[in-house]
Amino acid sequence: VYAPAFPTRTAEIELIEGEIVAYEQSTPVELEVPLEEGRSPAGAPEP
């Protein structure tokens, strides 16, 4: 949390309100694209 204009004599933050968000599942994914082979007709690598 960053407050760029904090009162100079204030010794306490009275309240910080926020939230955290979580999902039921989290899956690591690693994608690998060969850049020299499997190019599309336009010359770009295939997705």
All heavy atoms as atom14 arrays in JSON, in Angstrom:
{
  "sequence": "VYAPAFPTRTAEIELIEGEIVAYEQSTPVELEVPLEEGRSPAGAPEP",
  "atom14_mask": [
    [1, 1, 1, 1, 1, 1, 1, 0, 0, 0, 0, 0, 0, 0],
    [1, 1, 1, 1, 1, 1, 1, 1, 1, 1, 1, 1, 0, 0],
    [1, 1, 1, 1, 1, 0, 0, 0, 0, 0, 0, 0, 0, 0],
    [1, 1, 1, 1, 1, 1, 1, 0, 0, 0, 0, 0, 0, 0],
    [1, 1, 1, 1, 1, 0, 0, 0, 0, 0, 0, 0, 0, 0],
    [1, 1, 1, 1, 1, 1, 1, 1, 1, 1, 1, 0, 0, 0],
    [1, 1, 1, 1, 1, 1, 1, 0, 0, 0, 0, 0, 0, 0],
    [1, 1, 1, 1, 1, 1, 1, 0, 0, 0, 0, 0, 0, 0],
    [1, 1, 1, 1, 1, 1, 1, 1, 1, 1, 1, 0, 0, 0],
    [1, 1, 1, 1, 1, 1, 1, 0, 0, 0, 0, 0, 0, 0],
    [1, 1, 1, 1, 1, 0, 0, 0, 0, 0, 0, 0, 0, 0],
    [1, 1, 1, 1, 1, 1, 1, 1, 1, 0, 0, 0, 0, 0],
    [1, 1, 1, 1, 1, 1, 1, 1, 0, 0, 0, 0, 0, 0],
    [1, 1, 1, 1, 1, 1, 1, 1, 1, 0, 0, 0, 0, 0],
    [1, 1, 1, 1, 1, 1, 1, 1, 0, 0, 0, 0, 0, 0],
    [1, 1, 1, 1, 1, 1, 1, 1, 0, 0, 0, 0, 0, 0],
    [1, 1, 1, 1, 1, 1, 1, 1, 1, 0, 0, 0, 0, 0],
    [1, 1, 1, 1, 0, 0, 0, 0, 0, 0, 0, 0, 0, 0],
    [1, 1, 1, 1, 1, 1, 1, 1, 1, 0, 0, 0, 0, 0],
    [1, 1, 1, 1, 1, 1, 1, 1, 0, 0, 0, 0, 0, 0],
    [1, 1, 1, 1, 1, 1, 1, 0, 0, 0, 0, 0, 0, 0],
    [1, 1, 1, 1, 1, 0, 0, 0, 0, 0, 0, 0, 0, 0],
    [1, 1, 1, 1, 1, 1, 1, 1, 1, 1, 1, 1, 0, 0],
    [1, 1, 1, 1, 1, 1, 1, 1, 1, 0, 0, 0, 0, 0],
    [1, 1, 1, 1, 1, 1, 1, 1, 1, 0, 0, 0, 0, 0],
    [1, 1, 1, 1, 1, 1, 0, 0, 0, 0, 0, 0, 0, 0],
    [1, 1, 1, 1, 1, 1, 1, 0, 0, 0, 0, 0, 0, 0],
    [1, 1, 1, 1, 1, 1, 1, 0, 0, 0, 0, 0, 0, 0],
    [1, 1, 1, 1, 1, 1, 1, 0, 0, 0, 0, 0, 0, 0],
    [1, 1, 1, 1, 1, 1, 1, 1, 1, 0, 0, 0, 0, 0],
    [1, 1, 1, 1, 1, 1, 1, 1, 0, 0, 0, 0, 0, 0],
    [1, 1, 1, 1, 1, 1, 1, 1, 1, 0, 0, 0, 0, 0],
    [1, 1, 1, 1, 1, 1, 1, 0, 0, 0, 0, 0, 0, 0],
    [1, 1, 1, 1, 1, 1, 1, 0, 0, 0, 0, 0, 0, 0],
    [1, 1, 1, 1, 1, 1, 1, 1, 0, 0, 0, 0, 0, 0],
    [1, 1, 1, 1, 1, 1, 1, 1, 1, 0, 0, 0, 0, 0],
    [1, 1, 1, 1, 1, 1, 1, 1, 1, 0, 0, 0, 0, 0],
    [1, 1, 1, 1, 0, 0, 0, 0, 0, 0, 0, 0, 0, 0],
    [1, 1, 1, 1, 1, 1, 1, 1, 1, 1, 1, 0, 0, 0],
    [1, 1, 1, 1, 1, 1, 0, 0, 0, 0, 0, 0, 0, 0],
    [1, 1, 1, 1, 1, 1, 1, 0, 0, 0, 0, 0, 0, 0],
    [1, 1, 1, 1, 1, 0, 0, 0, 0, 0, 0, 0, 0, 0],
    [1, 1, 1, 1, 0, 0, 0, 0, 0, 0, 0, 0, 0, 0],
    [1, 1, 1, 1, 1, 0, 0, 0, 0, 0, 0, 0, 0, 0],
    [1, 1, 1, 1, 1, 1, 1, 0, 0, 0, 0, 0, 0, 0],
    [1, 1, 1, 1, 1, 1, 1, 1, 1, 0, 0, 0, 0, 0],
    [1, 1, 1, 1, 1, 1, 1, 0, 0, 0, 0, 0, 0, 0]
  ],
  "atom14_positions": [
    [[0.87, -1.17, 0.0], [0.0, 0.0, 0.0], [0.91, 1.22, 0.0], [1.82, 1.31, 0.83], [-0.9, 0.05, 1.25], [-1.92, 1.18, 1.11], [-1.6, -1.27, 1.49], [0.0, 0.0, 0.0], [0.0, 0.0, 0.0], [0.0, 0.0, 0.0], [0.0, 0.0, 0.0], [0.0, 0.0, 0.0], [0.0, 0.0, 0.0], [0.0, 0.0, 0.0]],
    [[0.68, 2.16, -0.91], [1.53, 3.35, -1.0], [0.65, 4.59, -0.94], [-0.3, 4.74, -1.71], [2.32, 3.33, -2.3], [3.22, 4.53, -2.49], [4.4, 4.65, -1.76], [2.91, 5.53, -3.4], [5.23, 5.75, -1.92], [3.73, 6.63, -3.58], [4.9, 6.73, -2.84], [5.71, 7.82, -3.0], [0.0, 0.0, 0.0], [0.0, 0.0, 0.0]],
    [[0.94, 5.47, 0.02], [0.25, 6.75, 0.17], [1.24, 7.87, -0.12], [2.14, 8.13, 0.7], [-0.34, 6.89, 1.57], [0.0, 0.0, 0.0], [0.0, 0.0, 0.0], [0.0, 0.0, 0.0], [0.0, 0.0, 0.0], [0.0, 0.0, 0.0], [0.0, 0.0, 0.0], [0.0, 0.0, 0.0], [0.0, 0.0, 0.0], [0.0, 0.0, 0.0]],
    [[1.15, 8.55, -1.25], [2.16, 9.55, -1.64], [2.03, 10.89, -0.94], [2.94, 11.71, -1.04], [1.92, 9.7, -3.14], [0.48, 9.37, -3.34], [0.15, 8.33, -2.31], [0.0, 0.0, 0.0], [0.0, 0.0, 0.0], [0.0, 0.0, 0.0], [0.0, 0.0, 0.0], [0.0, 0.0, 0.0], [0.0, 0.0, 0.0], [0.0, 0.0, 0.0]],
    [[0.92, 11.14, -0.23], [0.74, 12.42, 0.46], [0.21, 12.15, 1.86], [-0.93, 12.47, 2.18], [-0.21, 13.32, -0.32], [0.0, 0.0, 0.0], [0.0, 0.0, 0.0], [0.0, 0.0, 0.0], [0.0, 0.0, 0.0], [0.0, 0.0, 0.0], [0.0, 0.0, 0.0], [0.0, 0.0, 0.0], [0.0, 0.0, 0.0], [0.0, 0.0, 0.0]],
    [[1.08, 11.58, 2.7], [0.68, 11.21, 4.05], [0.86, 12.41, 4.98], [1.89, 13.1, 4.92], [1.56, 10.05, 4.54], [0.97, 9.27, 5.68], [0.12, 8.2, 5.45], [1.27, 9.61, 6.99], [-0.42, 7.47, 6.49], [0.73, 8.9, 8.04], [-0.11, 7.82, 7.8], [0.0, 0.0, 0.0], [0.0, 0.0, 0.0], [0.0, 0.0, 0.0]],
    [[-0.12, 12.72, 5.88], [0.03, 13.87, 6.8], [1.3, 13.75, 7.64], [1.62, 12.69, 8.18], [-1.23, 13.77, 7.68], [-2.22, 13.02, 6.85], [-1.42, 12.03, 6.05], [0.0, 0.0, 0.0], [0.0, 0.0, 0.0], [0.0, 0.0, 0.0], [0.0, 0.0, 0.0], [0.0, 0.0, 0.0], [0.0, 0.0, 0.0], [0.0, 0.0, 0.0]],
    [[2.03, 14.85, 7.77], [3.36, 14.78, 8.37], [3.36, 14.48, 9.87], [4.36, 13.99, 10.4], [4.11, 16.11, 8.14], [3.33, 17.19, 8.66], [4.35, 16.33, 6.65], [0.0, 0.0, 0.0], [0.0, 0.0, 0.0], [0.0, 0.0, 0.0], [0.0, 0.0, 0.0], [0.0, 0.0, 0.0], [0.0, 0.0, 0.0], [0.0, 0.0, 0.0]],
    [[2.27, 14.77, 10.58], [2.25, 14.54, 12.03], [1.4, 13.34, 12.44], [1.23, 13.1, 13.63], [1.72, 15.79, 12.75], [2.48, 17.06, 12.45], [3.91, 16.99, 12.94], [4.67, 18.18, 12.58], [5.97, 18.33, 12.8], [6.63, 17.36, 13.39], [6.6, 19.43, 12.44], [0.0, 0.0, 0.0], [0.0, 0.0, 0.0], [0.0, 0.0, 0.0]],
    [[0.89, 12.62, 11.5], [0.01, 11.49, 11.82], [0.82, 10.25, 12.16], [1.74, 9.88, 11.43], [-0.92, 11.19, 10.63], [-1.74, 12.34, 10.39], [-1.82, 9.99, 10.91], [0.0, 0.0, 0.0], [0.0, 0.0, 0.0], [0.0, 0.0, 0.0], [0.0, 0.0, 0.0], [0.0, 0.0, 0.0], [0.0, 0.0, 0.0], [0.0, 0.0, 0.0]],
    [[0.51, 9.62, 13.29], [1.29, 8.49, 13.79], [0.58, 7.16, 13.62], [1.06, 6.14, 14.12], [1.62, 8.7, 15.27], [0.0, 0.0, 0.0], [0.0, 0.0, 0.0], [0.0, 0.0, 0.0], [0.0, 0.0, 0.0], [0.0, 0.0, 0.0], [0.0, 0.0, 0.0], [0.0, 0.0, 0.0], [0.0, 0.0, 0.0], [0.0, 0.0, 0.0]],
    [[-0.54, 7.14, 12.9], [-1.29, 5.89, 12.79], [-2.19, 5.92, 11.57], [-2.76, 6.94, 11.22], [-2.14, 5.68, 14.05], [-2.99, 4.41, 14.02], [-3.9, 4.32, 15.23], [-5.04, 4.86, 15.18], [-3.49, 3.71, 16.23], [0.0, 0.0, 0.0], [0.0, 0.0, 0.0], [0.0, 0.0, 0.0], [0.0, 0.0, 0.0], [0.0, 0.0, 0.0]],
    [[-2.26, 4.78, 10.89], [-3.28, 4.57, 9.87], [-4.47, 3.93, 10.59], [-4.35, 2.87, 11.18], [-2.78, 3.66, 8.74], [-1.6, 4.31, 8.02], [-3.91, 3.36, 7.76], [-0.97, 3.42, 6.97], [0.0, 0.0, 0.0], [0.0, 0.0, 0.0], [0.0, 0.0, 0.0], [0.0, 0.0, 0.0], [0.0, 0.0, 0.0], [0.0, 0.0, 0.0]],
    [[-5.59, 4.61, 10.54], [-6.75, 4.12, 11.3], [-7.36, 2.88, 10.67], [-7.78, 1.95, 11.37], [-7.8, 5.22, 11.39], [-8.94, 4.89, 12.34], [-9.8, 6.09, 12.65], [-10.75, 6.32, 11.89], [-9.5, 6.81, 13.63], [0.0, 0.0, 0.0], [0.0, 0.0, 0.0], [0.0, 0.0, 0.0], [0.0, 0.0, 0.0], [0.0, 0.0, 0.0]],
    [[-7.39, 2.81, 9.33], [-8.06, 1.68, 8.68], [-7.53, 1.48, 7.27], [-7.36, 2.44, 6.52], [-9.58, 1.93, 8.63], [-10.43, 0.87, 7.94], [-10.38, -0.44, 8.71], [-11.87, 1.35, 7.8], [0.0, 0.0, 0.0], [0.0, 0.0, 0.0], [0.0, 0.0, 0.0], [0.0, 0.0, 0.0], [0.0, 0.0, 0.0], [0.0, 0.0, 0.0]],
    [[-7.24, 0.22, 6.94], [-6.94, -0.19, 5.57], [-7.99, -1.22, 5.17], [-8.15, -2.24, 5.84], [-5.54, -0.8, 5.44], [-4.47, 0.22, 5.83], [-5.29, -1.31, 4.02], [-3.08, -0.39, 5.93], [0.0, 0.0, 0.0], [0.0, 0.0, 0.0], [0.0, 0.0, 0.0], [0.0, 0.0, 0.0], [0.0, 0.0, 0.0], [0.0, 0.0, 0.0]],
    [[-8.7, -0.95, 4.09], [-9.72, -1.88, 3.6], [-9.28, -2.48, 2.27], [-8.8, -1.76, 1.39], [-11.06, -1.16, 3.43], [-11.65, -0.63, 4.73], [-12.96, 0.09, 4.51], [-12.9, 1.25, 4.06], [-14.01, -0.51, 4.79], [0.0, 0.0, 0.0], [0.0, 0.0, 0.0], [0.0, 0.0, 0.0], [0.0, 0.0, 0.0], [0.0, 0.0, 0.0]],
    [[-9.43, -3.77, 2.15], [-9.05, -4.44, 0.92], [-9.67, -5.81, 0.82], [-10.55, -6.18, 1.59], [0.0, 0.0, 0.0], [0.0, 0.0, 0.0], [0.0, 0.0, 0.0], [0.0, 0.0, 0.0], [0.0, 0.0, 0.0], [0.0, 0.0, 0.0], [0.0, 0.0, 0.0], [0.0, 0.0, 0.0], [0.0, 0.0, 0.0], [0.0, 0.0, 0.0]],
    [[-9.17, -6.58, -0.14], [-9.65, -7.95, -0.31], [-8.58, -8.77, -1.01], [-7.73, -8.24, -1.74], [-10.95, -7.98, -1.12], [-10.79, -7.54, -2.56], [-12.11, -7.49, -3.32], [-13.17, -7.4, -2.67], [-12.08, -7.56, -4.56], [0.0, 0.0, 0.0], [0.0, 0.0, 0.0], [0.0, 0.0, 0.0], [0.0, 0.0, 0.0], [0.0, 0.0, 0.0]],
    [[-8.6, -10.07, -0.76], [-7.79, -11.01, -1.52], [-8.73, -11.93, -2.28], [-9.85, -12.2, -1.83], [-6.82, -11.81, -0.62], [-7.56, -12.49, 0.52], [-5.71, -10.93, -0.09], [-6.66, -13.35, 1.39], [0.0, 0.0, 0.0], [0.0, 0.0, 0.0], [0.0, 0.0, 0.0], [0.0, 0.0, 0.0], [0.0, 0.0, 0.0], [0.0, 0.0, 0.0]],
    [[-8.28, -12.37, -3.45], [-9.11, -13.2, -4.33], [-8.39, -14.53, -4.54], [-7.19, -14.56, -4.82], [-9.35, -12.5, -5.68], [-10.2, -13.38, -6.59], [-10.04, -11.16, -5.46], [0.0, 0.0, 0.0], [0.0, 0.0, 0.0], [0.0, 0.0, 0.0], [0.0, 0.0, 0.0], [0.0, 0.0, 0.0], [0.0, 0.0, 0.0], [0.0, 0.0, 0.0]],
    [[-9.12, -15.61, -4.39], [-8.57, -16.95, -4.57], [-9.49, -17.77, -5.47], [-10.71, -17.57, -5.46], [-8.38, -17.65, -3.23], [0.0, 0.0, 0.0], [0.0, 0.0, 0.0], [0.0, 0.0, 0.0], [0.0, 0.0, 0.0], [0.0, 0.0, 0.0], [0.0, 0.0, 0.0], [0.0, 0.0, 0.0], [0.0, 0.0, 0.0], [0.0, 0.0, 0.0]],
    [[-8.9, -18.68, -6.22], [-9.67, -19.59, -7.06], [-9.51, -21.02, -6.55], [-8.52, -21.37, -5.9], [-9.22, -19.48, -8.52], [-9.71, -18.23, -9.19], [-9.06, -17.02, -9.0], [-10.86, -18.24, -9.96], [-9.53, -15.86, -9.6], [-11.34, -17.09, -10.56], [-10.67, -15.9, -10.38], [-11.14, -14.76, -10.96], [0.0, 0.0, 0.0], [0.0, 0.0, 0.0]],
    [[-10.5, -21.84, -6.89], [-10.55, -23.2, -6.37], [-9.36, -24.03, -6.84], [-8.82, -24.84, -6.1], [-11.86, -23.86, -6.8], [-12.1, -25.24, -6.22], [-13.43, -25.8, -6.68], [-13.94, -25.37, -7.72], [-13.96, -26.67, -5.96], [0.0, 0.0, 0.0], [0.0, 0.0, 0.0], [0.0, 0.0, 0.0], [0.0, 0.0, 0.0], [0.0, 0.0, 0.0]],
    [[-8.93, -23.82, -8.08], [-7.86, -24.62, -8.66], [-6.8, -23.72, -9.28], [-7.11, -22.65, -9.81], [-8.39, -25.58, -9.72], [-9.36, -26.61, -9.17], [-9.93, -27.51, -10.26], [-10.04, -27.09, -11.41], [-10.28, -28.73, -9.91], [0.0, 0.0, 0.0], [0.0, 0.0, 0.0], [0.0, 0.0, 0.0], [0.0, 0.0, 0.0], [0.0, 0.0, 0.0]],
    [[-5.56, -24.17, -9.23], [-4.44, -23.45, -9.82], [-3.53, -24.47, -10.51], [-2.98, -25.35, -9.85], [-3.67, -22.67, -8.76], [-2.65, -21.89, -9.33], [0.0, 0.0, 0.0], [0.0, 0.0, 0.0], [0.0, 0.0, 0.0], [0.0, 0.0, 0.0], [0.0, 0.0, 0.0], [0.0, 0.0, 0.0], [0.0, 0.0, 0.0], [0.0, 0.0, 0.0]],
    [[-3.4, -24.37, -11.82], [-2.66, -25.36, -12.6], [-1.44, -24.72, -13.25], [-1.6, -23.79, -14.05], [-3.56, -25.96, -13.7], [-4.75, -26.49, -13.1], [-2.83, -27.05, -14.46], [0.0, 0.0, 0.0], [0.0, 0.0, 0.0], [0.0, 0.0, 0.0], [0.0, 0.0, 0.0], [0.0, 0.0, 0.0], [0.0, 0.0, 0.0], [0.0, 0.0, 0.0]],
    [[-0.22, -25.19, -12.96], [0.96, -24.68, -13.67], [0.92, -25.12, -15.13], [0.58, -26.27, -15.44], [2.14, -25.32, -12.93], [1.57, -25.85, -11.65], [0.14, -26.16, -11.92], [0.0, 0.0, 0.0], [0.0, 0.0, 0.0], [0.0, 0.0, 0.0], [0.0, 0.0, 0.0], [0.0, 0.0, 0.0], [0.0, 0.0, 0.0], [0.0, 0.0, 0.0]],
    [[1.24, -24.21, -16.03], [1.24, -24.52, -17.46], [2.57, -24.05, -18.05], [2.99, -22.92, -17.81], [0.07, -23.83, -18.19], [0.1, -24.14, -19.69], [-1.27, -24.24, -17.59], [0.0, 0.0, 0.0], [0.0, 0.0, 0.0], [0.0, 0.0, 0.0], [0.0, 0.0, 0.0], [0.0, 0.0, 0.0], [0.0, 0.0, 0.0], [0.0, 0.0, 0.0]],
    [[3.21, -24.93, -18.81], [4.43, -24.57, -19.53], [4.21, -24.82, -21.01], [3.92, -25.93, -21.43], [5.62, -25.38, -19.03], [6.93, -24.99, -19.72], [8.14, -25.69, -19.11], [8.57, -25.26, -18.03], [8.62, -26.66, -19.73], [0.0, 0.0, 0.0], [0.0, 0.0, 0.0], [0.0, 0.0, 0.0], [0.0, 0.0, 0.0], [0.0, 0.0, 0.0]],
    [[4.32, -23.77, -21.8], [4.12, -23.83, -23.25], [5.45, -23.64, -23.96], [6.23, -22.77, -23.59], [3.13, -22.75, -23.68], [1.72, -22.86, -23.06], [1.03, -21.52, -23.09], [0.9, -23.89, -23.79], [0.0, 0.0, 0.0], [0.0, 0.0, 0.0], [0.0, 0.0, 0.0], [0.0, 0.0, 0.0], [0.0, 0.0, 0.0], [0.0, 0.0, 0.0]],
    [[5.68, -24.44, -24.99], [6.95, -24.4, -25.71], [6.69, -24.31, -27.21], [5.97, -25.14, -27.77], [7.77, -25.64, -25.37], [9.21, -25.58, -25.82], [10.02, -26.73, -25.26], [10.37, -26.69, -24.06], [10.29, -27.68, -26.04], [0.0, 0.0, 0.0], [0.0, 0.0, 0.0], [0.0, 0.0, 0.0], [0.0, 0.0, 0.0], [0.0, 0.0, 0.0]],
    [[7.27, -23.31, -27.85], [7.08, -23.09, -29.28], [8.41, -23.24, -30.01], [9.36, -22.5, -29.71], [6.52, -21.67, -29.55], [6.3, -21.46, -31.04], [5.23, -21.46, -28.8], [0.0, 0.0, 0.0], [0.0, 0.0, 0.0], [0.0, 0.0, 0.0], [0.0, 0.0, 0.0], [0.0, 0.0, 0.0], [0.0, 0.0, 0.0], [0.0, 0.0, 0.0]],
    [[8.52, -24.18, -30.95], [9.73, -24.24, -31.78], [9.73, -23.1, -32.79], [8.73, -22.87, -33.49], [9.62, -25.61, -32.47], [8.18, -25.94, -32.44], [7.58, -25.27, -31.24], [0.0, 0.0, 0.0], [0.0, 0.0, 0.0], [0.0, 0.0, 0.0], [0.0, 0.0, 0.0], [0.0, 0.0, 0.0], [0.0, 0.0, 0.0], [0.0, 0.0, 0.0]],
    [[10.82, -22.37, -32.86], [10.88, -21.2, -33.73], [11.46, -21.51, -35.1], [11.36, -20.69, -36.01], [11.7, -20.09, -33.06], [11.17, -19.58, -31.72], [12.1, -18.52, -31.16], [9.76, -19.03, -31.86], [0.0, 0.0, 0.0], [0.0, 0.0, 0.0], [0.0, 0.0, 0.0], [0.0, 0.0, 0.0], [0.0, 0.0, 0.0], [0.0, 0.0, 0.0]],
    [[12.08, -22.68, -35.27], [12.72, -23.0, -36.53], [11.9, -23.94, -37.39], [12.08, -24.01, -38.6], [14.09, -23.64, -36.27], [15.08, -22.68, -35.63], [16.45, -23.31, -35.48], [16.52, -24.49, -35.15], [17.44, -22.6, -35.73], [0.0, 0.0, 0.0], [0.0, 0.0, 0.0], [0.0, 0.0, 0.0], [0.0, 0.0, 0.0], [0.0, 0.0, 0.0]],
    [[10.97, -24.7, -36.77], [10.18, -25.68, -37.51], [8.7, -25.39, -37.32], [8.28, -24.67, -36.42], [10.5, -27.09, -37.03], [11.97, -27.46, -37.17], [12.26, -28.83, -36.59], [11.31, -29.44, -36.07], [13.4, -29.28, -36.67], [0.0, 0.0, 0.0], [0.0, 0.0, 0.0], [0.0, 0.0, 0.0], [0.0, 0.0, 0.0], [0.0, 0.0, 0.0]],
    [[7.89, -26.02, -38.18], [6.45, -25.95, -38.03], [5.88, -24.56, -38.27], [4.89, -24.19, -37.65], [0.0, 0.0, 0.0], [0.0, 0.0, 0.0], [0.0, 0.0, 0.0], [0.0, 0.0, 0.0], [0.0, 0.0, 0.0], [0.0, 0.0, 0.0], [0.0, 0.0, 0.0], [0.0, 0.0, 0.0], [0.0, 0.0, 0.0], [0.0, 0.0, 0.0]],
    [[6.48, -23.83, -39.19], [5.97, -22.48, -39.44], [4.7, -22.53, -40.29], [4.52, -23.41, -41.12], [7.03, -21.63, -40.15], [8.22, -21.29, -39.26], [9.25, -20.47, -40.02], [10.33, -20.06, -39.13], [10.33, -18.93, -38.44], [9.32, -18.12, -38.54], [11.34, -18.62, -37.65], [0.0, 0.0, 0.0], [0.0, 0.0, 0.0], [0.0, 0.0, 0.0]],
    [[3.85, -21.55, -40.07], [2.63, -21.43, -40.86], [2.97, -20.87, -42.24], [4.08, -20.4, -42.47], [1.65, -20.5, -40.14], [2.16, -19.17, -40.16], [0.0, 0.0, 0.0], [0.0, 0.0, 0.0], [0.0, 0.0, 0.0], [0.0, 0.0, 0.0], [0.0, 0.0, 0.0], [0.0, 0.0, 0.0], [0.0, 0.0, 0.0], [0.0, 0.0, 0.0]],
    [[2.0, -20.92, -43.2], [2.28, -20.35, -44.52], [2.71, -18.89, -44.47], [3.43, -18.42, -45.34], [0.93, -20.52, -45.25], [0.28, -21.69, -44.58], [0.7, -21.6, -43.14], [0.0, 0.0, 0.0], [0.0, 0.0, 0.0], [0.0, 0.0, 0.0], [0.0, 0.0, 0.0], [0.0, 0.0, 0.0], [0.0, 0.0, 0.0], [0.0, 0.0, 0.0]],
    [[2.25, -18.17, -43.44], [2.64, -16.75, -43.34], [4.04, -16.58, -42.79], [4.55, -15.45, -42.73], [1.64, -16.02, -42.45], [0.0, 0.0, 0.0], [0.0, 0.0, 0.0], [0.0, 0.0, 0.0], [0.0, 0.0, 0.0], [0.0, 0.0, 0.0], [0.0, 0.0, 0.0], [0.0, 0.0, 0.0], [0.0, 0.0, 0.0], [0.0, 0.0, 0.0]],
    [[4.68, -17.66, -42.37], [6.05, -17.59, -41.87], [6.17, -17.56, -40.37], [7.28, -17.65, -39.84], [0.0, 0.0, 0.0], [0.0, 0.0, 0.0], [0.0, 0.0, 0.0], [0.0, 0.0, 0.0], [0.0, 0.0, 0.0], [0.0, 0.0, 0.0], [0.0, 0.0, 0.0], [0.0, 0.0, 0.0], [0.0, 0.0, 0.0], [0.0, 0.0, 0.0]],
    [[5.07, -17.41, -39.63], [5.12, -17.38, -38.17], [5.04, -18.8, -37.63], [4.49, -19.7, -38.27], [3.97, -16.55, -37.63], [0.0, 0.0, 0.0], [0.0, 0.0, 0.0], [0.0, 0.0, 0.0], [0.0, 0.0, 0.0], [0.0, 0.0, 0.0], [0.0, 0.0, 0.0], [0.0, 0.0, 0.0], [0.0, 0.0, 0.0], [0.0, 0.0, 0.0]],
    [[5.59, -19.05, -36.43], [5.46, -20.38, -35.83], [4.0, -20.74, -35.6], [3.16, -19.87, -35.33], [6.21, -20.23, -34.5], [7.08, -19.05, -34.66], [6.36, -18.13, -35.59], [0.0, 0.0, 0.0], [0.0, 0.0, 0.0], [0.0, 0.0, 0.0], [0.0, 0.0, 0.0], [0.0, 0.0, 0.0], [0.0, 0.0, 0.0], [0.0, 0.0, 0.0]],
    [[3.68, -22.02, -35.73], [2.33, -22.47, -35.47], [2.0, -22.3, -33.99], [2.85, -22.54, -33.13], [2.19, -23.95, -35.85], [2.27, -24.22, -37.34], [0.99, -23.86, -38.07], [0.03, -23.41, -37.41], [0.97, -24.0, -39.3], [0.0, 0.0, 0.0], [0.0, 0.0, 0.0], [0.0, 0.0, 0.0], [0.0, 0.0, 0.0], [0.0, 0.0, 0.0]],
    [[0.78, -21.88, -33.67], [0.38, -21.77, -32.26], [0.43, -23.15, -31.58], [0.27, -24.18, -32.23], [-1.06, -21.24, -32.33], [-1.17, -20.61, -33.68], [-0.28, -21.4, -34.59], [0.0, 0.0, 0.0], [0.0, 0.0, 0.0], [0.0, 0.0, 0.0], [0.0, 0.0, 0.0], [0.0, 0.0, 0.0], [0.0, 0.0, 0.0], [0.0, 0.0, 0.0]]
  ]
}
